[in-house]
Every structure is written in structure tokens, then in C-alpha cells.
């Protein structure tokens, strides 16, 4: 498949999945190996978020990651898995020219099916961290239109998701019934759909049904067929999840046909490493025995297989005259038996 067909494939496939009656859920990963594990679990699409990309480098999602770091992060993952990817480009990493360059870099990576651009004011931060402020609508619309123009020129099948953080941003007028500034959020999302955004995303501080309903009803009053995104966020507290009546069906029926969890793999991995490290600290040898037993027979048991090491060994055999003899006369993964 040539380069441009590969570019078009992911966006087209992604749009078809979202348009299904049940919509689409997108699982959030943090690096190439977590992406491969999610694909082995039959995830149809993956979400590459700034929160996870920052955290694996030891930073908070606080506008610290640079555009070039994010591009490299996406490239490593996109070359490793063959499913559509949603990529978080934060606020575009600066002004109009930065946004254009960011879109040009990201949209030319095969596998990228959608990008989302947020309307936060610098310094941006995760939508669940206090201190958020949003741009004037006109300023964000300039950024959004620039991204749409780049998309139309380079990768027309890629989807553009416009995100607003106005619901709980600094200076907002909170509606006591829904817990945030629903009026401003609805106004913004409608303006973003008017400008040509494919999907709209309002970032909520909790999984409250009332807020999800208010935004959906407000947007659909003007754009009845608009597709909304909902972040099934790990940042929502455990108590909030216990109290929330939300289900996938409720969200889908409200028009949130694009649903995603931004960094569940990161939370799960940190817990797994913590528990494993505790066990090894107590008894390293027994800890290794138990670890090997726990992963035995699973698709993630052998990391060499997950990263397709045998393909690289086969390349060596094809082009290096001594490679076959080395595999024949040494032990280890991929050794050739006489």
C-alpha cells in the first residue's frame, strides 16, 4: 500500500467505526508496548494522550511536552501497530504558525486517524488540573480553521476533534444544576461545529449525568446530528464513578458516539509494577517464579514476540552471510536448532 493510501485508510476506517449505531470506544495507551498489548486485547482504535506521554517522561500534563517530542512519540507507536490512532495535540504548542506546523507533522504520520485541539490558554494543562483558562472563541477558531485547512490539504480523511475546557475553566459561570459553565461550553461547541470540526468534546470534571445531558441537548438543538466525544476519564474520582449512573448506552443515546478513556493503561501499569516490585523486594527468586507463572500462556508472556524480534533476525539472515551461523551456534530466543 502506497503512502497516501495508508494515510487515507486510518481516517476512513475510524469514521466508519464512529458512525456505527453503537459508536466507538477508544482505549488510551502510553507507549508502543502498551499499544501492542491493547491491540492483542482486540482494541479497534487507540488514544495517544498528552497526559500519558508526559507521565512516562516524568512530567505532569502541564504544557511541558514539546511538539517534537510528541511527534516522535506518535511515530514510534504508529509504526508498531496497525489500528487507527487518535492523537492529542494539546493547544498546538503555541500560536497559529506553531499549530500549522504541528498539524503538518502529525497528519503525515500513517495511522493517525484523528487529532484533537483544545481551546485552553497558555500555559495549558490537563483538563482535570486546576487553573485552566480558555482562549477567546475567535482566537481558538483561528487555530481550528488553520488545522482544518492543513487537514484538507494533506490528509482529508483524518478527523478533527474540537475540544473545549470552558465547562470548568477560570472565570466561568457555574450552573448549580450541572456543576459547570454549560452555556459557554455549548456556545463554543456550536461555533466549532459551524467552523467545520468533525466531532466536539467538552471536558467535564466528573461523570455526572446532568452535565452530559446539558451539553448534548444544547449542542443538538443547533446541530442535531453532531457527534460528541466523552472522556471516560481515570481522573474522575472513585467516589464519582460509584455515584454516576452513566453507561456506554446512555452516552451513546445522548450522541456521545465517540467515547474514550485517556490513560487507563498508565494507571493499570503503575499499579502492576508497584505490586510486582513489592513482591520482588520480599523474595526476588520467588517473585520471579510467581511473575512467570502469572503471565504464562498470555499473549503478553514473551516480550520478544510482542516486539516481533524474529522479523529482525530474519532480516539479518537474509542480508548478513554470518547471521545464520550465529543463530545456529548460540542459545537464546530465535536460535536455530540443528
Protein backbone atom coordinates (compact mmCIF):
# COMPACT_ATOMS: atom_id res chain seq x y z
CA UNK A 1 0.00 0.00 0.00
CA UNK A 2 1.47 3.36 -1.00
CA UNK A 3 1.99 6.24 1.42
CA UNK A 4 -1.11 8.28 0.58
CA UNK A 5 -3.39 5.24 0.65
CA UNK A 6 -2.02 4.40 4.09
CA UNK A 7 -2.76 7.95 5.24
CA UNK A 8 -6.35 7.75 3.99
CA UNK A 9 -7.02 4.26 5.32
CA UNK A 10 -6.97 5.05 9.02
CA UNK A 11 -9.19 8.13 8.90
CA UNK A 12 -11.73 6.41 6.70
CA UNK A 13 -11.80 3.33 8.95
CA UNK A 14 -12.08 5.48 12.07
CA UNK A 15 -15.05 7.43 10.69
CA UNK A 16 -16.86 4.22 9.82
CA UNK A 17 -16.38 2.86 13.34
CA UNK A 18 -17.71 6.04 14.96
CA UNK A 19 -20.74 6.04 12.64
CA UNK A 20 -21.89 2.59 13.78
CA UNK A 21 -25.16 2.56 15.74
CA UNK A 22 -23.20 1.73 18.91
CA UNK A 23 -20.48 4.29 18.23
CA UNK A 24 -16.88 3.63 19.19
CA UNK A 25 -14.81 3.27 22.35
CA UNK A 26 -11.11 4.18 22.09
CA UNK A 27 -8.62 2.82 24.64
CA UNK A 28 -5.84 5.10 25.90
CA UNK A 29 -2.25 3.82 25.88
CA UNK A 30 1.07 5.41 26.81
CA UNK A 31 3.81 3.83 24.68
CA UNK A 32 4.46 1.25 21.97
CA UNK A 33 4.35 -1.83 24.21
CA UNK A 34 1.08 -0.79 25.86
CA UNK A 35 -0.29 -0.15 22.36
CA UNK A 36 0.65 -3.67 21.29
CA UNK A 37 -0.94 -5.15 24.42
CA UNK A 38 -4.17 -3.24 23.69
CA UNK A 39 -4.20 -4.49 20.10
CA UNK A 40 -3.73 -8.06 21.35
CA UNK A 41 -6.82 -7.41 23.50
CA UNK A 42 -8.73 -6.61 20.26
CA UNK A 43 -8.94 -2.82 20.74
CA UNK A 44 -10.12 -1.38 17.42
CA UNK A 45 -8.54 2.04 17.90
CA UNK A 46 -6.12 3.67 20.32
CA UNK A 47 -5.84 7.06 22.01
CA UNK A 48 -2.44 8.74 22.41
CA UNK A 49 -2.83 11.44 25.04
CA UNK A 50 -0.61 14.20 26.33
CA UNK A 51 -1.20 13.14 29.94
CA UNK A 52 0.28 9.68 29.37
CA UNK A 53 3.05 10.89 27.06
CA UNK A 54 4.11 13.40 29.72
CA UNK A 55 3.85 10.96 32.61
CA UNK A 56 6.12 8.34 31.04
CA UNK A 57 8.76 11.06 30.87
CA UNK A 58 8.20 12.02 34.50
CA UNK A 59 6.29 15.24 33.80
CA UNK A 60 2.76 16.31 34.68
CA UNK A 61 0.40 17.21 31.83
CA UNK A 62 1.22 20.88 32.26
CA UNK A 63 2.26 22.10 28.83
CA UNK A 64 5.84 20.89 29.33
CA UNK A 65 6.00 18.42 26.42
CA UNK A 66 7.22 19.93 23.15
CA UNK A 67 5.79 19.39 19.70
CA UNK A 68 8.86 17.47 18.51
CA UNK A 69 8.67 15.11 21.50
CA UNK A 70 5.02 14.38 20.77
CA UNK A 71 5.69 13.78 17.06
CA UNK A 72 8.44 11.29 17.92
CA UNK A 73 6.18 9.60 20.47
CA UNK A 74 3.42 9.16 17.87
CA UNK A 75 5.84 7.86 15.23
CA UNK A 76 7.18 5.11 17.49
CA UNK A 77 3.65 3.90 18.23
CA UNK A 78 2.20 4.32 14.73
CA UNK A 79 4.95 2.20 13.14
CA UNK A 80 4.38 -0.56 15.67
CA UNK A 81 0.60 -1.13 15.48
CA UNK A 82 -1.84 -1.14 12.59
CA UNK A 83 -5.01 0.34 14.06
CA UNK A 84 -6.38 3.90 13.79
CA UNK A 85 -4.92 6.35 16.30
CA UNK A 86 -6.39 9.46 17.92
CA UNK A 87 -3.62 11.93 18.73
CA UNK A 88 -3.80 14.69 21.32
CA UNK A 89 -2.05 17.83 20.00
CA UNK A 90 -2.90 19.86 23.12
CA UNK A 91 -3.22 23.55 22.15
CA UNK A 92 -0.98 23.14 19.10
CA UNK A 93 2.12 24.17 21.10
CA UNK A 94 1.87 27.90 20.53
CA UNK A 95 0.36 30.39 18.09
CA UNK A 96 -1.04 29.97 14.60
CA UNK A 97 2.27 29.07 12.96
CA UNK A 98 3.04 26.53 15.67
CA UNK A 99 -0.40 24.97 15.23
CA UNK A 100 0.08 24.72 11.48
CA UNK A 101 3.48 23.10 11.84
CA UNK A 102 2.14 20.67 14.45
CA UNK A 103 -0.72 19.65 12.17
CA UNK A 104 1.64 19.24 9.20
CA UNK A 105 3.93 16.96 11.20
CA UNK A 106 1.25 14.82 12.84
CA UNK A 107 -1.08 14.47 9.86
CA UNK A 108 1.68 12.99 7.70
CA UNK A 109 2.16 10.01 10.03
CA UNK A 110 0.40 6.91 8.62
CA UNK A 111 -2.01 5.51 11.19
CA UNK A 112 -3.17 8.86 12.56
CA UNK A 113 -6.94 8.85 12.10
CA UNK A 114 -7.96 11.84 14.22
CA UNK A 115 -6.41 14.72 16.15
CA UNK A 116 -7.89 16.92 18.82
CA UNK A 117 -7.13 20.55 19.52
CA UNK A 118 -8.12 22.20 22.80
CA UNK A 119 -9.14 25.81 23.43
CA UNK A 120 -7.02 26.39 26.53
CA UNK A 121 -4.90 29.47 27.07
CA UNK A 122 -1.17 29.07 27.68
CA UNK A 123 0.12 27.59 29.89
CA UNK A 124 -2.22 24.70 29.14
CA UNK A 125 -2.72 21.76 31.47
CA UNK A 126 -4.73 18.57 31.79
CA UNK A 127 -8.42 19.38 31.86
CA UNK A 128 -8.61 17.88 35.36
CA UNK A 129 -5.91 20.09 36.85
CA UNK A 130 -6.95 23.37 38.49
CA UNK A 131 -6.00 26.70 36.97
CA UNK A 132 -7.37 26.23 33.45
CA UNK A 133 -8.18 29.27 31.31
CA UNK A 134 -9.64 29.29 27.81
CA UNK A 135 -8.91 31.45 24.79
CA UNK A 136 -11.42 33.87 23.34
CA UNK A 137 -13.60 31.99 20.87
CA UNK A 138 -12.31 33.99 17.92
CA UNK A 139 -8.69 33.15 18.74
CA UNK A 140 -9.39 29.44 19.04
CA UNK A 141 -11.41 29.47 15.81
CA UNK A 142 -8.35 30.82 14.01
CA UNK A 143 -6.32 27.86 15.28
CA UNK A 144 -9.08 25.37 14.45
CA UNK A 145 -9.52 26.70 10.92
CA UNK A 146 -5.77 26.51 10.37
CA UNK A 147 -5.77 22.84 11.41
CA UNK A 148 -8.77 22.12 9.17
CA UNK A 149 -7.02 23.71 6.19
CA UNK A 150 -3.88 21.64 6.80
CA UNK A 151 -6.02 18.52 7.17
CA UNK A 152 -7.87 19.22 3.92
CA UNK A 153 -4.59 19.68 2.07
CA UNK A 154 -2.58 16.78 3.49
CA UNK A 155 -4.86 14.10 4.89
CA UNK A 156 -8.54 14.80 4.05
CA UNK A 157 -9.87 11.61 5.65
CA UNK A 158 -8.39 12.42 9.07
CA UNK A 159 -10.95 13.68 11.60
CA UNK A 160 -10.55 16.87 13.62
CA UNK A 161 -11.97 16.94 17.14
CA UNK A 162 -12.52 20.36 18.71
CA UNK A 163 -12.26 20.29 22.49
CA UNK A 164 -13.42 22.90 24.96
CA UNK A 165 -12.37 23.20 28.60
CA UNK A 166 -14.83 26.04 29.25
CA UNK A 167 -17.07 23.93 31.48
CA UNK A 168 -14.74 24.26 34.47
CA UNK A 169 -12.26 26.94 33.37
CA UNK A 170 -11.27 30.02 35.34
CA UNK A 171 -13.85 32.80 35.14
CA UNK A 172 -16.72 30.57 34.07
CA UNK A 173 -20.27 30.95 35.32
CA UNK A 174 -21.16 27.71 37.04
CA UNK A 175 -24.67 26.39 36.64
CA UNK A 176 -25.54 24.86 40.03
CA UNK A 177 -27.72 22.22 38.38
CA UNK A 178 -24.97 20.83 36.14
CA UNK A 179 -21.81 21.83 38.03
CA UNK A 180 -20.13 23.95 35.37
CA UNK A 181 -20.46 26.60 32.69
CA UNK A 182 -22.77 24.75 30.33
CA UNK A 183 -23.87 27.88 28.45
CA UNK A 184 -20.32 28.84 27.46
CA UNK A 185 -19.44 25.25 26.58
CA UNK A 186 -22.48 24.89 24.33
CA UNK A 187 -21.79 28.25 22.68
CA UNK A 188 -18.24 27.21 21.94
CA UNK A 189 -19.01 23.75 20.65
CA UNK A 190 -21.67 25.11 18.32
CA UNK A 191 -19.17 27.65 16.98
CA UNK A 192 -16.60 24.90 16.49
CA UNK A 193 -19.08 22.75 14.58
CA UNK A 194 -20.01 25.81 12.49
CA UNK A 195 -16.32 26.14 11.60
CA UNK A 196 -16.17 22.56 10.32
CA UNK A 197 -14.99 20.40 13.23
CA UNK A 198 -15.88 16.76 12.68
CA UNK A 199 -16.51 15.99 16.36
CA UNK A 200 -16.84 18.08 19.51
CA UNK A 201 -15.59 17.29 23.01
CA UNK A 202 -16.49 19.06 26.23
CA UNK A 203 -14.14 18.12 29.06
CA UNK A 204 -16.10 17.51 32.26
CA UNK A 205 -14.81 17.49 35.86
CA UNK A 206 -16.92 14.43 36.75
CA UNK A 207 -19.03 11.69 35.14
CA UNK A 208 -22.29 13.41 36.15
CA UNK A 209 -25.29 12.56 34.00
CA UNK A 210 -26.70 16.08 34.37
CA UNK A 211 -23.69 17.75 32.76
CA UNK A 212 -23.51 15.22 29.92
CA UNK A 213 -27.21 15.74 29.21
CA UNK A 214 -26.99 19.54 29.32
CA UNK A 215 -24.18 19.75 26.78
CA UNK A 216 -25.70 17.14 24.45
CA UNK A 217 -29.11 18.81 24.44
CA UNK A 218 -27.62 22.27 23.95
CA UNK A 219 -25.43 21.26 21.03
CA UNK A 220 -28.06 19.12 19.34
CA UNK A 221 -30.59 21.93 19.48
CA UNK A 222 -28.47 23.64 16.81
CA UNK A 223 -26.57 20.68 15.34
CA UNK A 224 -28.94 17.72 15.71
CA UNK A 225 -26.60 15.25 14.05
CA UNK A 226 -23.37 16.40 15.69
CA UNK A 227 -21.13 13.66 17.04
CA UNK A 228 -19.85 14.33 20.54
CA UNK A 229 -16.87 12.88 22.37
CA UNK A 230 -16.82 11.87 26.04
CA UNK A 231 -13.73 11.25 28.12
CA UNK A 232 -14.36 8.26 30.40
CA UNK A 233 -11.55 9.65 32.46
CA UNK A 234 -9.31 7.94 35.01
CA UNK A 235 -9.04 11.42 36.56
CA UNK A 236 -12.63 11.18 37.83
CA UNK A 237 -12.53 10.04 41.45
CA UNK A 238 -13.54 6.55 42.52
CA UNK A 239 -16.39 8.10 44.51
CA UNK A 240 -17.62 9.99 41.44
CA UNK A 241 -17.69 6.77 39.46
CA UNK A 242 -19.60 4.99 42.24
CA UNK A 243 -22.25 7.74 42.22
CA UNK A 244 -22.54 8.12 38.45
CA UNK A 245 -25.37 6.36 36.60
CA UNK A 246 -23.59 6.72 33.25
CA UNK A 247 -23.30 3.72 30.96
CA UNK A 248 -21.99 3.34 27.43
CA UNK A 249 -25.58 3.05 26.20
CA UNK A 250 -26.69 6.24 27.95
CA UNK A 251 -23.77 8.15 26.49
CA UNK A 252 -24.34 6.73 23.04
CA UNK A 253 -28.06 7.57 23.16
CA UNK A 254 -27.14 11.16 24.09
CA UNK A 255 -24.99 11.44 20.98
CA UNK A 256 -21.60 10.72 22.56
CA UNK A 257 -20.77 8.26 19.82
CA UNK A 258 -17.04 8.76 20.31
CA UNK A 259 -16.05 7.59 23.78
CA UNK A 260 -12.50 7.20 25.04
CA UNK A 261 -10.51 6.62 28.20
CA UNK A 262 -7.37 8.72 28.03
CA UNK A 263 -4.85 6.86 30.21
CA UNK A 264 -6.24 3.70 31.86
CA UNK A 265 -3.22 1.67 30.73
CA UNK A 266 -0.92 4.04 32.60
CA UNK A 267 -2.89 3.63 35.85
CA UNK A 268 -3.01 -0.14 35.45
CA UNK A 269 0.68 -0.43 34.59
CA UNK A 270 1.82 1.70 37.53
CA UNK A 271 -0.20 -0.48 39.90
CA UNK A 272 1.11 -3.70 38.34
CA UNK A 273 4.74 -2.54 38.58
CA UNK A 274 4.23 -1.42 42.18
CA UNK A 275 2.76 -4.77 43.23
CA UNK A 276 5.43 -6.72 41.38
CA UNK A 277 8.24 -4.62 42.88
CA UNK A 278 6.85 -5.21 46.36
CA UNK A 279 6.85 -8.97 45.76
CA UNK A 280 10.44 -8.92 44.45
CA UNK A 281 11.61 -6.85 47.42
CA UNK A 282 10.34 -9.58 49.74
CA UNK A 283 11.80 -12.51 47.82
CA UNK A 284 13.29 -11.90 44.37
CA UNK A 285 13.60 -15.51 43.24
CA UNK A 286 10.10 -16.44 44.37
CA UNK A 287 8.84 -13.17 42.94
CA UNK A 288 10.20 -14.11 39.51
CA UNK A 289 8.70 -17.59 39.74
CA UNK A 290 5.29 -16.08 40.52
CA UNK A 291 5.60 -13.46 37.78
CA UNK A 292 6.43 -16.06 35.14
CA UNK A 293 3.55 -18.21 36.34
CA UNK A 294 1.10 -15.29 36.22
CA UNK A 295 1.88 -14.41 32.58
CA UNK A 296 2.31 -17.97 31.30
CA UNK A 297 0.11 -18.61 28.28
CA UNK A 298 -0.97 -14.99 27.86
CA UNK A 299 -0.40 -13.04 24.61
CA UNK A 300 1.97 -10.76 26.53
CA UNK A 301 4.07 -13.57 28.05
CA UNK A 302 7.11 -13.15 25.79
CA UNK A 303 8.12 -9.55 25.11
CA UNK A 304 10.43 -10.65 22.28
CA UNK A 305 7.37 -11.92 20.46
CA UNK A 306 5.42 -8.74 21.15
CA UNK A 307 8.17 -6.65 19.54
CA UNK A 308 8.47 -9.15 16.64
CA UNK A 309 12.15 -9.90 17.20
CA UNK A 310 12.08 -12.83 14.77
CA UNK A 311 11.36 -10.46 11.88
CA UNK A 312 14.58 -8.60 12.65
CA UNK A 313 16.51 -11.87 12.95
CA UNK A 314 15.12 -12.96 9.58
CA UNK A 315 16.38 -9.73 8.02
CA UNK A 316 19.85 -10.45 9.37
CA UNK A 317 19.78 -13.92 7.86
CA UNK A 318 18.69 -12.50 4.50
CA UNK A 319 21.39 -9.84 4.26
CA UNK A 320 24.23 -10.92 6.59
CA UNK A 321 26.14 -14.06 5.44
CA UNK A 322 27.24 -14.86 9.01
CA UNK A 323 23.85 -14.41 10.68
CA UNK A 324 22.58 -17.95 10.08
CA UNK A 325 25.67 -19.50 11.61
CA UNK A 326 25.36 -17.27 14.69
CA UNK A 327 21.75 -18.33 15.23
CA UNK A 328 22.74 -21.96 14.73
CA UNK A 329 25.62 -21.93 17.22
CA UNK A 330 24.25 -19.84 20.09
CA UNK A 331 21.41 -20.18 22.53
CA UNK A 332 18.57 -17.78 23.21
CA UNK A 333 15.37 -16.54 21.66
CA UNK A 334 15.25 -17.31 17.94
CA UNK A 335 18.15 -19.78 17.98
CA UNK A 336 18.07 -22.31 15.12
CA UNK A 337 18.05 -25.95 16.20
CA UNK A 338 20.27 -28.39 14.35
